């Protein structure tokens, strides 16, 4: 499975909505779909499912606030 699909599936599980698949520009923090704890869970899942380690200290919220940005960041690290 491609990185994009895995990341989107993780986001659906974490946010409880498939809106993240429909709108890759959805601001997850502004809409309340993701918070700091959710971000940590996302990083744990990315590492577990894709084997891509992302240190929390390297995550800048403005670069990880939409599904599209998250996919781009994970793909760049993978």
C-alpha atoms as a PDB file:
ATOM      1  CA  UNK A   1       0.000   0.000   0.000  1.00  0.00           C
ATOM      2  CA  UNK A   2       1.268   3.469  -0.863  1.00  0.00           C
ATOM      3  CA  UNK A   3       2.274   5.974   1.806  1.00  0.00           C
ATOM      4  CA  UNK A   4      -0.639   8.246   0.916  1.00  0.00           C
ATOM      5  CA  UNK A   5      -3.267   5.556   1.491  1.00  0.00           C
ATOM      6  CA  UNK A   6      -1.688   4.414   4.766  1.00  0.00           C
ATOM      7  CA  UNK A   7      -1.479   7.981   6.106  1.00  0.00           C
ATOM      8  CA  UNK A   8      -5.076   8.696   5.109  1.00  0.00           C
ATOM      9  CA  UNK A   9      -6.278   5.475   6.752  1.00  0.00           C
ATOM     10  CA  UNK A  10      -4.415   6.413   9.945  1.00  0.00           C
ATOM     11  CA  UNK A  11      -5.997   9.876   9.874  1.00  0.00           C
ATOM     12  CA  UNK A  12      -9.480   8.401   9.404  1.00  0.00           C
ATOM     13  CA  UNK A  13      -8.914   6.179  12.441  1.00  0.00           C
ATOM     14  CA  UNK A  14      -7.578   9.053  14.566  1.00  0.00           C
ATOM     15  CA  UNK A  15     -10.152  11.665  13.560  1.00  0.00           C
ATOM     16  CA  UNK A  16     -13.176   9.416  13.178  1.00  0.00           C
ATOM     17  CA  UNK A  17     -14.123  10.950   9.828  1.00  0.00           C
ATOM     18  CA  UNK A  18     -13.412  10.188   6.194  1.00  0.00           C
ATOM     19  CA  UNK A  19     -13.487  13.925   5.467  1.00  0.00           C
ATOM     20  CA  UNK A  20      -9.678  13.746   5.623  1.00  0.00           C
ATOM     21  CA  UNK A  21      -9.767  11.638   2.441  1.00  0.00           C
ATOM     22  CA  UNK A  22     -12.135  14.022   0.661  1.00  0.00           C
ATOM     23  CA  UNK A  23     -10.310  17.255   1.510  1.00  0.00           C
ATOM     24  CA  UNK A  24      -6.514  17.079   1.732  1.00  0.00           C
ATOM     25  CA  UNK A  25      -6.426  20.797   2.596  1.00  0.00           C
ATOM     26  CA  UNK A  26      -8.583  20.399   5.713  1.00  0.00           C
ATOM     27  CA  UNK A  27      -6.883  22.063   8.689  1.00  0.00           C
ATOM     28  CA  UNK A  28      -6.968  19.270  11.240  1.00  0.00           C
ATOM     29  CA  UNK A  29      -6.067  21.454  14.212  1.00  0.00           C
ATOM     30  CA  UNK A  30      -8.393  24.377  13.409  1.00  0.00           C
ATOM     31  CA  UNK A  31     -11.327  21.971  13.001  1.00  0.00           C
ATOM     32  CA  UNK A  32     -10.497  20.184  16.251  1.00  0.00           C
ATOM     33  CA  UNK A  33     -10.006  16.843  14.511  1.00  0.00           C
ATOM     34  CA  UNK A  34      -6.414  16.550  15.725  1.00  0.00           C
ATOM     35  CA  UNK A  35      -4.631  17.784  18.837  1.00  0.00           C
ATOM     36  CA  UNK A  36      -1.154  17.312  20.316  1.00  0.00           C
ATOM     37  CA  UNK A  37      -1.928  13.832  21.619  1.00  0.00           C
ATOM     38  CA  UNK A  38      -3.426  12.890  18.262  1.00  0.00           C
ATOM     39  CA  UNK A  39      -0.263  14.078  16.547  1.00  0.00           C
ATOM     40  CA  UNK A  40       1.865  11.826  18.751  1.00  0.00           C
ATOM     41  CA  UNK A  41      -0.481   8.921  17.975  1.00  0.00           C
ATOM     42  CA  UNK A  42      -0.134   9.719  14.271  1.00  0.00           C
ATOM     43  CA  UNK A  43       3.653   9.588  14.480  1.00  0.00           C
ATOM     44  CA  UNK A  44       3.549   6.291  16.385  1.00  0.00           C
ATOM     45  CA  UNK A  45       1.234   4.786  13.761  1.00  0.00           C
ATOM     46  CA  UNK A  46       3.375   6.074  10.869  1.00  0.00           C
ATOM     47  CA  UNK A  47       6.414   4.419  12.403  1.00  0.00           C
ATOM     48  CA  UNK A  48       4.549   1.208  13.184  1.00  0.00           C
ATOM     49  CA  UNK A  49       2.826   0.823   9.829  1.00  0.00           C
ATOM     50  CA  UNK A  50       5.405   2.345   7.484  1.00  0.00           C
ATOM     51  CA  UNK A  51       8.653   2.014   9.420  1.00  0.00           C
ATOM     52  CA  UNK A  52       9.257   5.758   9.041  1.00  0.00           C
ATOM     53  CA  UNK A  53      10.454   7.397  12.246  1.00  0.00           C
ATOM     54  CA  UNK A  54       9.518  11.040  12.770  1.00  0.00           C
ATOM     55  CA  UNK A  55      10.891  12.634  15.951  1.00  0.00           C
ATOM     56  CA  UNK A  56       8.248  14.774  17.672  1.00  0.00           C
ATOM     57  CA  UNK A  57      10.853  17.523  18.048  1.00  0.00           C
ATOM     58  CA  UNK A  58      11.063  17.760  14.238  1.00  0.00           C
ATOM     59  CA  UNK A  59       7.331  18.291  13.725  1.00  0.00           C
ATOM     60  CA  UNK A  60       6.271  21.879  13.096  1.00  0.00           C
ATOM     61  CA  UNK A  61       2.514  22.224  13.398  1.00  0.00           C
ATOM     62  CA  UNK A  62       2.156  24.467  10.346  1.00  0.00           C
ATOM     63  CA  UNK A  63       3.812  21.767   8.210  1.00  0.00           C
ATOM     64  CA  UNK A  64       1.624  18.981   9.602  1.00  0.00           C
ATOM     65  CA  UNK A  65      -1.822  20.598   9.824  1.00  0.00           C
ATOM     66  CA  UNK A  66      -3.508  19.146   6.714  1.00  0.00           C
ATOM     67  CA  UNK A  67      -3.700  15.631   5.288  1.00  0.00           C
ATOM     68  CA  UNK A  68      -1.862  16.792   2.164  1.00  0.00           C
ATOM     69  CA  UNK A  69       1.015  18.309   4.147  1.00  0.00           C
ATOM     70  CA  UNK A  70       1.271  15.239   6.364  1.00  0.00           C
ATOM     71  CA  UNK A  71       1.457  12.961   3.313  1.00  0.00           C
ATOM     72  CA  UNK A  72       4.165  15.163   1.752  1.00  0.00           C
ATOM     73  CA  UNK A  73       6.222  15.195   4.970  1.00  0.00           C
ATOM     74  CA  UNK A  74       6.006  11.422   5.440  1.00  0.00           C
ATOM     75  CA  UNK A  75       6.843  10.780   1.772  1.00  0.00           C
ATOM     76  CA  UNK A  76       9.879  13.068   2.059  1.00  0.00           C
ATOM     77  CA  UNK A  77      11.099  11.103   5.075  1.00  0.00           C
ATOM     78  CA  UNK A  78      10.327   7.703   3.553  1.00  0.00           C
END
